[in-house]
Amino acid sequence: MANKRKVIITCAVTGAIHTPSMSPHLPVTPEEIAEAGIAAAEAGASILHLHARDPENGKPTQDPAVFERFLPRIKGSTNAVINLTTGGSPHMTVEERMRPAMEFKPELASMNMGSINFGLFPMLNRYDSFEHEWERAHLENSRDLVFKNTFADIETAMTLGGKNGTRFECECYDIGHLYSLRNVMDRGIVGGRIFVQSVFGILGGIGPHPEDVMHMRRTANRLFGDDYEWSVLGAGSSQMRIAAQAAAMGGHVRVGLEDSLWLAPGKLAESNASQVRKVREILEGLSFEVATPDEAREMLQLKGADKVGF
């Protein structure tokens, strides 16, 4: 009997989209982020995608000093691959966004493959009040915001990261981003086995319809052949549906409170680990095995946890 395919579960623990008033379970402090990451790894996540927040008000921050407060603890408590954001928040400059990845030299870092409108403002209709002043502006300002990821930005980030042996989770919010990735590969800016993370359901990017997922997969297959690993995340209510569809199509999956605050309709996820357990049940129900962190490292050609800067 053929070996079962191993599926990588990534957990995106806190992100920069949701605000603290939206869920009491969103990790904000370094302690909460560390505990959430460790629990997600114990539940079966082999990659932890990490952002930081100001412990006082929950606002996204790329200050390496805040990352320093949780990275060593997570590394010391799990074998998970740590994937640091270079997306940061759409409101930051590329230089700000690159600081943690440059300082800590992780095995993996996220890299957005193009500029997009990044509309968070529809979430304003769901909440009557916000605990912190910055939250409403954070959502409102997204009406007139381009999340900037130019070719120059991508080249700079990938070249700098590559010198540290960091590989990239290439986040593709639309079909054109796959073509941009093919272009930077053809120019030798990035090589080896590519890790494509397709993002569905952000206003301004591709939608969460099953046909959108299939179109993204078909296009990636045509552009990259067998030289890539494909993972998906569905925003909000599409999280588990898209995970199930993509896994059945040969993909890996990403869950976490960065992407959805919910476990089921009307039911907030009380932890990142609960979403990991749920997607793991889906994968095992489809007769897939969940990849260990070291199996993920091998698939993605990562340098190893002993070669990071934290």
Protein backbone atom coordinates (compact mmCIF):
# COMPACT_ATOMS: atom_id res chain seq x y z
CA MET A 1 0.00 0.00 0.00
CA ALA A 2 1.32 3.45 -0.90
CA ASN A 3 2.44 5.78 1.87
CA LYS A 4 -0.17 8.21 3.08
CA ARG A 5 0.41 11.81 2.04
CA LYS A 6 1.49 14.02 4.94
CA VAL A 7 -0.34 17.33 5.32
CA ILE A 8 1.30 20.34 6.99
CA ILE A 9 -0.89 22.29 9.42
CA THR A 10 0.19 25.91 9.89
CA CYS A 11 -1.34 27.87 12.76
CA ALA A 12 -1.40 31.68 12.48
CA VAL A 13 -1.74 32.62 16.12
CA THR A 14 -2.75 36.31 16.23
CA GLY A 15 -2.07 38.23 13.00
CA ALA A 16 -2.76 41.92 12.46
CA ILE A 17 -6.32 41.93 11.09
CA HIS A 18 -8.55 41.22 14.08
CA THR A 19 -8.67 43.60 17.04
CA PRO A 20 -8.92 42.72 20.74
CA SER A 21 -12.56 43.86 21.07
CA MET A 22 -13.64 41.23 18.53
CA SER A 23 -12.77 38.26 20.73
CA PRO A 24 -11.60 37.83 24.33
CA HIS A 25 -9.62 34.80 23.10
CA LEU A 26 -7.32 36.69 20.68
CA PRO A 27 -3.75 36.40 22.04
CA VAL A 28 -2.30 39.86 22.69
CA THR A 29 0.49 39.76 25.29
CA PRO A 30 3.77 37.90 24.70
CA GLU A 31 2.71 35.39 27.37
CA GLU A 32 -0.62 34.76 25.61
CA ILE A 33 1.07 34.42 22.21
CA ALA A 34 3.62 31.96 23.63
CA GLU A 35 0.96 29.87 25.37
CA ALA A 36 -1.28 29.87 22.27
CA GLY A 37 1.61 28.83 20.01
CA ILE A 38 2.77 26.03 22.29
CA ALA A 39 -0.77 24.66 22.65
CA ALA A 40 -1.30 24.79 18.87
CA ALA A 41 1.94 22.86 18.31
CA GLU A 42 0.89 20.27 20.87
CA ALA A 43 -2.45 19.93 19.01
CA GLY A 44 -0.65 19.14 15.75
CA ALA A 45 0.51 22.36 14.05
CA SER A 46 3.97 21.85 12.59
CA ILE A 47 4.39 25.52 11.59
CA LEU A 48 3.55 28.51 13.80
CA HIS A 49 3.07 31.79 11.92
CA LEU A 50 3.73 34.61 14.37
CA HIS A 51 2.96 38.31 14.65
CA ALA A 52 3.43 40.50 17.73
CA ARG A 53 1.15 43.00 19.41
CA ASP A 54 1.63 45.87 21.81
CA PRO A 55 0.87 44.22 25.17
CA GLU A 56 -0.91 47.39 26.40
CA ASN A 57 -3.50 47.84 23.65
CA GLY A 58 -3.18 44.89 21.25
CA LYS A 59 -2.06 47.02 18.29
CA PRO A 60 0.13 45.15 15.77
CA THR A 61 3.86 45.86 16.21
CA GLN A 62 7.01 44.73 14.44
CA ASP A 63 9.26 45.77 17.34
CA PRO A 64 11.80 42.93 17.69
CA ALA A 65 11.88 43.52 21.47
CA VAL A 66 8.28 42.27 21.69
CA PHE A 67 9.03 39.19 19.56
CA GLU A 68 12.02 38.54 21.84
CA ARG A 69 9.58 38.05 24.71
CA PHE A 70 7.91 34.99 23.17
CA LEU A 71 10.19 33.47 20.52
CA PRO A 72 12.71 31.76 22.86
CA ARG A 73 9.92 30.34 24.99
CA ILE A 74 8.10 28.83 22.00
CA LYS A 75 11.34 27.46 20.56
CA GLY A 76 12.28 25.97 23.94
CA SER A 77 8.89 24.29 24.39
CA THR A 78 8.14 22.92 20.88
CA ASN A 79 9.86 21.58 17.80
CA ALA A 80 7.53 23.58 15.55
CA VAL A 81 8.88 25.57 12.62
CA ILE A 82 8.61 29.26 13.48
CA ASN A 83 7.46 31.43 10.59
CA LEU A 84 7.76 35.19 11.18
CA THR A 85 5.61 37.73 9.41
CA THR A 86 7.09 40.25 6.99
CA GLY A 87 3.54 41.38 6.26
CA GLY A 88 3.29 43.01 9.68
CA SER A 89 0.33 45.29 9.16
CA PRO A 90 -0.76 47.01 5.93
CA HIS A 91 -0.15 50.34 7.71
CA MET A 92 3.65 49.76 8.07
CA THR A 93 6.62 50.41 5.75
CA VAL A 94 8.52 47.48 4.25
CA GLU A 95 11.57 48.35 6.38
CA GLU A 96 9.45 48.11 9.56
CA ARG A 97 7.86 44.89 8.37
CA MET A 98 11.25 43.19 7.74
CA ARG A 99 12.79 43.94 11.15
CA PRO A 100 11.85 40.72 13.02
CA ALA A 101 12.85 38.44 10.12
CA MET A 102 16.19 40.23 9.75
CA GLU A 103 16.98 40.15 13.46
CA PHE A 104 15.87 36.60 14.26
CA LYS A 105 16.73 34.84 10.96
CA PRO A 106 13.83 32.34 11.14
CA GLU A 107 13.58 29.17 9.08
CA LEU A 108 10.53 30.59 7.33
CA ALA A 109 9.02 34.06 6.82
CA SER A 110 5.83 35.16 5.08
CA MET A 111 6.12 37.22 1.91
CA ASN A 112 3.15 38.85 0.19
CA MET A 113 3.49 38.52 -3.58
CA GLY A 114 1.74 41.71 -4.65
CA SER A 115 0.01 44.94 -3.68
CA ILE A 116 -3.71 44.75 -3.00
CA ASN A 117 -6.63 46.68 -1.59
CA PHE A 118 -7.10 45.09 1.83
CA GLY A 119 -10.64 45.86 2.93
CA LEU A 120 -11.30 45.29 6.62
CA PHE A 121 -13.96 48.02 6.90
CA PRO A 122 -16.99 45.67 6.48
CA MET A 123 -16.18 44.38 9.99
CA LEU A 124 -17.19 47.81 11.38
CA ASN A 125 -20.84 46.83 10.92
CA ARG A 126 -20.49 43.89 13.30
CA TYR A 127 -19.33 45.74 16.41
CA ASP A 128 -21.10 48.50 18.31
CA SER A 129 -18.10 49.62 20.33
CA PHE A 130 -14.35 49.12 20.60
CA GLU A 131 -12.21 48.94 23.71
CA HIS A 132 -9.17 50.77 22.24
CA GLU A 133 -9.07 53.97 20.23
CA TRP A 134 -6.91 52.56 17.42
CA GLU A 135 -9.30 49.71 16.54
CA ARG A 136 -12.02 51.66 14.72
CA ALA A 137 -9.45 53.68 12.74
CA HIS A 138 -7.58 50.46 11.84
CA LEU A 139 -10.74 49.13 10.16
CA GLU A 140 -12.04 52.44 8.76
CA ASN A 141 -8.68 53.38 7.18
CA SER A 142 -8.72 50.20 5.10
CA ARG A 143 -11.25 51.86 2.74
CA ASP A 144 -8.40 53.96 1.36
CA LEU A 145 -5.41 51.66 1.82
CA VAL A 146 -3.18 49.80 -0.59
CA PHE A 147 -1.25 47.00 1.11
CA LYS A 148 2.01 47.78 -0.70
CA ASN A 149 4.17 44.91 -1.94
CA THR A 150 5.91 46.15 -5.09
CA PHE A 151 8.43 44.13 -7.09
CA ALA A 152 11.18 46.21 -5.46
CA ASP A 153 9.79 45.38 -2.00
CA ILE A 154 9.61 41.66 -2.81
CA GLU A 155 13.13 41.59 -4.29
CA THR A 156 14.59 43.45 -1.30
CA ALA A 157 12.89 41.25 1.27
CA MET A 158 13.64 37.95 -0.48
CA THR A 159 17.26 38.87 -1.15
CA LEU A 160 17.89 39.99 2.45
CA GLY A 161 16.06 37.00 3.89
CA GLY A 162 17.79 34.59 1.54
CA LYS A 163 21.22 35.71 2.80
CA ASN A 164 20.16 34.47 6.26
CA GLY A 165 18.96 31.13 4.89
CA THR A 166 15.33 32.07 5.55
CA ARG A 167 12.87 30.56 3.10
CA PHE A 168 9.49 32.07 2.26
CA GLU A 169 5.83 31.27 2.63
CA CYS A 170 4.74 33.08 -0.54
CA GLU A 171 1.30 34.53 0.18
CA CYS A 172 -0.82 34.78 -2.95
CA TYR A 173 -4.08 36.70 -2.54
CA ASP A 174 -4.90 36.58 -6.23
CA ILE A 175 -3.99 34.85 -9.49
CA GLY A 176 -1.63 37.65 -10.57
CA HIS A 177 0.46 36.97 -7.46
CA LEU A 178 1.27 33.50 -8.80
CA TYR A 179 2.60 35.09 -11.99
CA SER A 180 4.65 37.58 -9.92
CA LEU A 181 6.15 34.67 -8.01
CA ARG A 182 6.99 32.87 -11.26
CA ASN A 183 8.72 36.05 -12.42
CA VAL A 184 10.95 36.36 -9.33
CA MET A 185 11.79 32.65 -9.68
CA ASP A 186 12.72 33.10 -13.35
CA ARG A 187 15.01 35.97 -12.39
CA GLY A 188 16.76 33.82 -9.78
CA ILE A 189 15.65 35.91 -6.79
CA VAL A 190 14.18 32.84 -5.10
CA GLY A 191 14.76 29.17 -5.83
CA GLY A 192 14.39 25.67 -4.43
CA ARG A 193 11.06 24.20 -3.44
CA ILE A 194 8.48 27.00 -3.32
CA PHE A 195 5.89 27.20 -0.54
CA VAL A 196 2.75 28.89 -1.91
CA GLN A 197 0.12 29.99 0.63
CA SER A 198 -3.08 30.86 -1.24
CA VAL A 199 -5.32 33.29 0.65
CA PHE A 200 -9.06 33.24 -0.04
CA GLY A 201 -11.76 35.62 1.13
CA ILE A 202 -9.97 38.92 1.86
CA LEU A 203 -11.91 41.84 0.33
CA GLY A 204 -9.60 42.99 -2.48
CA GLY A 205 -8.24 39.51 -3.21
CA ILE A 206 -9.68 36.33 -4.70
CA GLY A 207 -12.97 35.09 -3.23
CA PRO A 208 -13.68 31.92 -1.22
CA HIS A 209 -15.80 30.07 -3.80
CA PRO A 210 -14.75 26.45 -4.56
CA GLU A 211 -14.15 27.53 -8.19
CA ASP A 212 -11.67 30.15 -6.94
CA VAL A 213 -9.75 27.47 -5.05
CA MET A 214 -9.65 25.23 -8.12
CA HIS A 215 -8.57 28.12 -10.38
CA MET A 216 -5.70 28.97 -8.00
CA ARG A 217 -4.56 25.31 -7.90
CA ARG A 218 -4.75 24.82 -11.66
CA THR A 219 -2.81 28.03 -12.33
CA ALA A 220 -0.13 27.14 -9.77
CA ASN A 221 0.24 23.66 -11.25
CA ARG A 222 0.71 25.17 -14.69
CA LEU A 223 3.27 27.75 -13.50
CA PHE A 224 5.26 25.65 -11.01
CA GLY A 225 4.71 22.03 -12.04
CA ASP A 226 5.94 19.72 -9.28
CA ASP A 227 8.37 22.27 -7.80
CA TYR A 228 6.12 23.63 -5.07
CA GLU A 229 4.10 22.85 -1.96
CA TRP A 230 0.63 24.39 -1.85
CA SER A 231 -1.15 25.52 1.30
CA VAL A 232 -4.39 27.42 1.72
CA LEU A 233 -6.17 29.62 4.19
CA GLY A 234 -9.79 30.64 4.07
CA ALA A 235 -10.72 33.85 5.87
CA GLY A 236 -13.58 33.80 8.36
CA SER A 237 -16.38 31.32 7.85
CA SER A 238 -14.71 29.72 4.81
CA GLN A 239 -11.73 28.50 6.90
CA MET A 240 -12.63 24.82 7.35
CA ARG A 241 -14.49 24.38 4.04
CA ILE A 242 -11.52 25.61 2.03
CA ALA A 243 -9.10 23.56 4.17
CA ALA A 244 -11.09 20.40 3.41
CA GLN A 245 -11.30 21.15 -0.31
CA ALA A 246 -7.61 22.00 -0.64
CA ALA A 247 -6.47 18.97 1.36
CA ALA A 248 -8.51 16.75 -0.95
CA MET A 249 -6.74 18.46 -3.89
CA GLY A 250 -3.26 17.70 -2.55
CA GLY A 251 -2.70 20.83 -0.47
CA HIS A 252 -1.63 21.76 3.05
CA VAL A 253 -3.77 23.86 5.41
CA ARG A 254 -3.54 26.93 7.60
CA VAL A 255 -5.82 27.81 10.51
CA GLY A 256 -5.56 30.17 13.48
CA LEU A 257 -7.14 33.26 14.99
CA GLU A 258 -5.34 35.48 12.49
CA ASP A 259 -7.58 34.05 9.76
CA SER A 260 -10.83 33.35 11.62
CA LEU A 261 -12.07 34.04 15.14
CA TRP A 262 -14.68 31.27 14.87
CA LEU A 263 -14.89 27.55 15.48
CA ALA A 264 -18.46 27.16 14.17
CA PRO A 265 -21.29 29.53 13.18
CA GLY A 266 -21.91 31.86 16.13
CA LYS A 267 -19.26 30.12 18.25
CA LEU A 268 -15.96 31.91 18.91
CA ALA A 269 -12.87 29.73 18.95
CA GLU A 270 -11.62 29.71 22.54
CA SER A 271 -8.08 28.93 21.38
CA ASN A 272 -5.90 28.45 18.34
CA ALA A 273 -5.45 24.84 19.42
CA SER A 274 -9.20 24.23 19.04
CA GLN A 275 -9.01 25.16 15.35
CA VAL A 276 -5.93 22.95 14.91
CA ARG A 277 -7.78 20.02 16.48
CA LYS A 278 -10.81 20.63 14.25
CA VAL A 279 -8.82 20.75 11.02
CA ARG A 280 -6.85 17.72 12.15
CA GLU A 281 -10.12 15.80 12.53
CA ILE A 282 -11.06 16.83 8.98
CA LEU A 283 -7.68 15.69 7.62
CA GLU A 284 -7.75 12.39 9.47
CA GLY A 285 -11.35 11.89 8.32
CA LEU A 286 -10.02 12.18 4.77
CA SER A 287 -7.38 9.53 5.64
CA PHE A 288 -4.44 11.94 5.58
CA GLU A 289 -1.65 11.99 8.14
CA VAL A 290 -0.52 15.22 9.74
CA ALA A 291 3.13 16.10 9.07
CA THR A 292 5.51 16.47 12.00
CA PRO A 293 7.65 19.62 12.19
CA ASP A 294 10.68 17.71 10.88
CA GLU A 295 8.67 16.30 7.98
CA ALA A 296 7.56 19.87 7.18
CA ARG A 297 11.21 20.98 7.28
CA GLU A 298 12.16 18.28 4.80
CA MET A 299 9.27 19.08 2.42
CA LEU A 300 10.03 22.81 2.46
CA GLN A 301 13.85 22.46 2.44
CA LEU A 302 14.28 24.51 5.62
CA LYS A 303 17.62 25.15 7.33
CA GLY A 304 16.66 23.76 10.75
CA ALA A 305 15.80 25.23 14.16
CA ASP A 306 19.47 25.19 15.22
CA LYS A 307 20.32 27.84 12.60
CA VAL A 308 17.92 30.61 13.66
CA GLY A 309 18.87 33.79 15.55
CA PHE A 310 16.85 33.28 18.72
